């Protein structure tokens, strides 16, 4: 399971020109589910992300977590994070989990995050989405559950 975590001032996602999720200060998490991923991958990432100290304290040091600042989160499923671009010019997504498994683990991850964070908004699984955000810093971290 791969997560791209971005610290944001605000973010939102729309489907067919309708806002389906919106947050203020916090994190946008783009989540990709790979074949073979399971609940332990989601458990690892949810704990890591909730406690990741990437927000500045009063001294300007990255020393606070999303929990410490009572921040919000927007989670968007993104299978393209599993793209393999080593051969040819068109990405292969053979390493990405199938839709049923991916949706199940995506929803499990969201449920886990809701156990930590007061507001967790989401995109819409398998929809064409427009994601907008104001990156803060910018701070962008890539996490891979297989490297934990």
Protein backbone atom coordinates (compact mmCIF):
# COMPACT_ATOMS: atom_id res chain seq x y z
CA UNK A 1 0.00 0.00 0.00
CA UNK A 2 1.39 3.35 -1.00
CA UNK A 3 0.38 6.73 0.42
CA UNK A 4 1.38 10.15 -0.82
CA UNK A 5 0.84 12.47 2.13
CA UNK A 6 0.63 16.21 1.53
CA UNK A 7 0.37 18.88 4.20
CA UNK A 8 -2.33 21.35 3.13
CA UNK A 9 -4.01 24.57 4.13
CA UNK A 10 -7.24 23.35 2.50
CA UNK A 11 -8.39 20.73 0.03
CA UNK A 12 -11.42 19.37 -1.74
CA UNK A 13 -12.54 16.84 -4.30
CA UNK A 14 -15.35 17.07 -6.83
CA UNK A 15 -17.12 14.49 -8.97
CA UNK A 16 -19.26 15.74 -11.87
CA UNK A 17 -18.95 19.31 -10.56
CA UNK A 18 -20.31 18.31 -7.11
CA UNK A 19 -18.08 18.59 -4.03
CA UNK A 20 -17.90 15.19 -2.36
CA UNK A 21 -15.20 15.95 0.23
CA UNK A 22 -13.61 19.07 1.68
CA UNK A 23 -11.19 19.90 4.51
CA UNK A 24 -9.38 22.79 6.08
CA UNK A 25 -5.83 22.54 7.53
CA UNK A 26 -4.51 19.02 7.58
CA UNK A 27 -3.42 16.28 5.20
CA UNK A 28 -4.37 15.00 1.78
CA UNK A 29 -3.64 11.28 1.46
CA UNK A 30 -3.54 9.75 -2.00
CA UNK A 31 -3.83 6.01 -1.38
CA UNK A 32 -2.83 3.19 -3.73
CA UNK A 33 -3.60 -0.43 -2.92
CA UNK A 34 -1.34 -3.14 -4.35
CA UNK A 35 -2.06 -6.81 -4.99
CA UNK A 36 -1.32 -8.71 -1.80
CA UNK A 37 -2.01 -5.78 0.53
CA UNK A 38 -4.08 -6.48 3.61
CA UNK A 39 -5.42 -4.91 6.77
CA UNK A 40 -1.97 -4.90 8.37
CA UNK A 41 -0.77 -2.56 5.60
CA UNK A 42 -3.67 -0.19 6.29
CA UNK A 43 -3.07 -0.46 10.06
CA UNK A 44 0.59 0.46 9.60
CA UNK A 45 -0.13 3.43 7.33
CA UNK A 46 -3.03 4.79 9.38
CA UNK A 47 -0.95 4.82 12.58
CA UNK A 48 2.11 6.24 10.81
CA UNK A 49 0.16 9.03 9.09
CA UNK A 50 -1.88 10.05 12.16
CA UNK A 51 1.30 10.37 14.22
CA UNK A 52 3.70 11.68 11.56
CA UNK A 53 5.28 14.85 12.93
CA UNK A 54 5.22 17.13 9.88
CA UNK A 55 3.51 20.23 11.26
CA UNK A 56 5.52 23.09 12.70
CA UNK A 57 5.64 23.84 16.40
CA UNK A 58 6.05 27.33 17.90
CA UNK A 59 9.78 27.21 17.08
CA UNK A 60 9.17 26.49 13.39
CA UNK A 61 10.32 22.86 13.68
CA UNK A 62 8.38 19.93 12.21
CA UNK A 63 7.47 18.50 15.57
CA UNK A 64 3.67 18.16 15.62
CA UNK A 65 1.37 15.50 14.22
CA UNK A 66 -2.09 15.80 12.70
CA UNK A 67 -3.42 14.67 16.08
CA UNK A 68 -1.49 17.42 17.87
CA UNK A 69 -2.97 20.17 15.71
CA UNK A 70 -6.49 18.66 15.53
CA UNK A 71 -6.16 18.71 11.76
CA UNK A 72 -8.43 17.24 9.11
CA UNK A 73 -7.81 14.67 6.38
CA UNK A 74 -8.92 14.08 2.81
CA UNK A 75 -8.34 10.51 1.55
CA UNK A 76 -8.45 9.85 -2.19
CA UNK A 77 -8.06 6.41 -3.76
CA UNK A 78 -5.45 6.52 -6.51
CA UNK A 79 -4.49 3.25 -8.19
CA UNK A 80 -2.10 5.10 -10.52
CA UNK A 81 0.40 5.24 -7.64
CA UNK A 82 1.09 1.59 -8.51
CA UNK A 83 2.08 2.43 -12.10
CA UNK A 84 5.07 0.57 -13.48
CA UNK A 85 6.75 2.73 -16.10
CA UNK A 86 9.94 0.74 -16.58
CA UNK A 87 8.98 -0.65 -20.00
CA UNK A 88 7.54 1.21 -22.94
CA UNK A 89 5.73 4.51 -22.75
CA UNK A 90 2.39 3.46 -21.33
CA UNK A 91 2.22 2.68 -17.59
CA UNK A 92 1.30 -0.83 -16.52
CA UNK A 93 -1.01 -1.21 -13.55
CA UNK A 94 -0.55 -4.96 -13.15
CA UNK A 95 0.68 -4.44 -9.56
CA UNK A 96 -2.48 -2.61 -8.49
CA UNK A 97 -5.14 -4.51 -6.56
CA UNK A 98 -8.41 -5.26 -8.32
CA UNK A 99 -11.32 -2.89 -7.67
CA UNK A 100 -13.07 -5.09 -5.11
CA UNK A 101 -9.97 -5.63 -2.94
CA UNK A 102 -8.85 -2.02 -3.37
CA UNK A 103 -12.24 -0.61 -2.37
CA UNK A 104 -12.40 -2.88 0.68
CA UNK A 105 -8.94 -1.82 1.92
CA UNK A 106 -9.55 1.84 1.04
CA UNK A 107 -12.72 1.80 3.17
CA UNK A 108 -10.88 -0.04 5.96
CA UNK A 109 -8.13 2.62 5.91
CA UNK A 110 -10.72 5.43 6.05
CA UNK A 111 -12.45 3.72 9.00
CA UNK A 112 -9.11 3.41 10.82
CA UNK A 113 -8.34 7.10 10.20
CA UNK A 114 -11.76 8.08 11.55
CA UNK A 115 -10.72 6.41 14.79
CA UNK A 116 -7.84 8.91 15.04
CA UNK A 117 -9.01 12.10 13.31
CA UNK A 118 -12.13 14.17 14.00
CA UNK A 119 -12.83 14.91 10.31
CA UNK A 120 -11.93 12.54 7.50
CA UNK A 121 -13.38 13.42 4.10
CA UNK A 122 -13.08 11.18 1.06
CA UNK A 123 -13.22 11.13 -2.67
CA UNK A 124 -15.46 8.70 -4.54
CA UNK A 125 -13.98 5.31 -5.32
CA UNK A 126 -13.66 4.53 -9.08
CA UNK A 127 -14.92 7.99 -10.10
CA UNK A 128 -13.19 10.60 -12.22
CA UNK A 129 -12.32 13.18 -9.58
CA UNK A 130 -10.89 16.66 -9.56
CA UNK A 131 -8.73 17.12 -6.48
CA UNK A 132 -7.69 20.63 -5.47
CA UNK A 133 -5.51 21.63 -2.59
CA UNK A 134 -3.23 24.35 -1.32
CA UNK A 135 -0.01 22.58 -0.37
CA UNK A 136 1.53 23.96 2.82
CA UNK A 137 5.31 24.20 2.70
CA UNK A 138 5.21 22.35 0.36
CA UNK A 139 5.50 19.18 2.40
CA UNK A 140 4.97 15.90 0.55
CA UNK A 141 5.91 12.49 2.00
CA UNK A 142 5.69 9.09 0.28
CA UNK A 143 5.02 6.07 2.50
CA UNK A 144 5.10 2.43 1.45
CA UNK A 145 3.71 -0.18 3.85
CA UNK A 146 6.10 -2.80 2.47
CA UNK A 147 9.07 -0.74 3.64
CA UNK A 148 7.83 -0.27 7.22
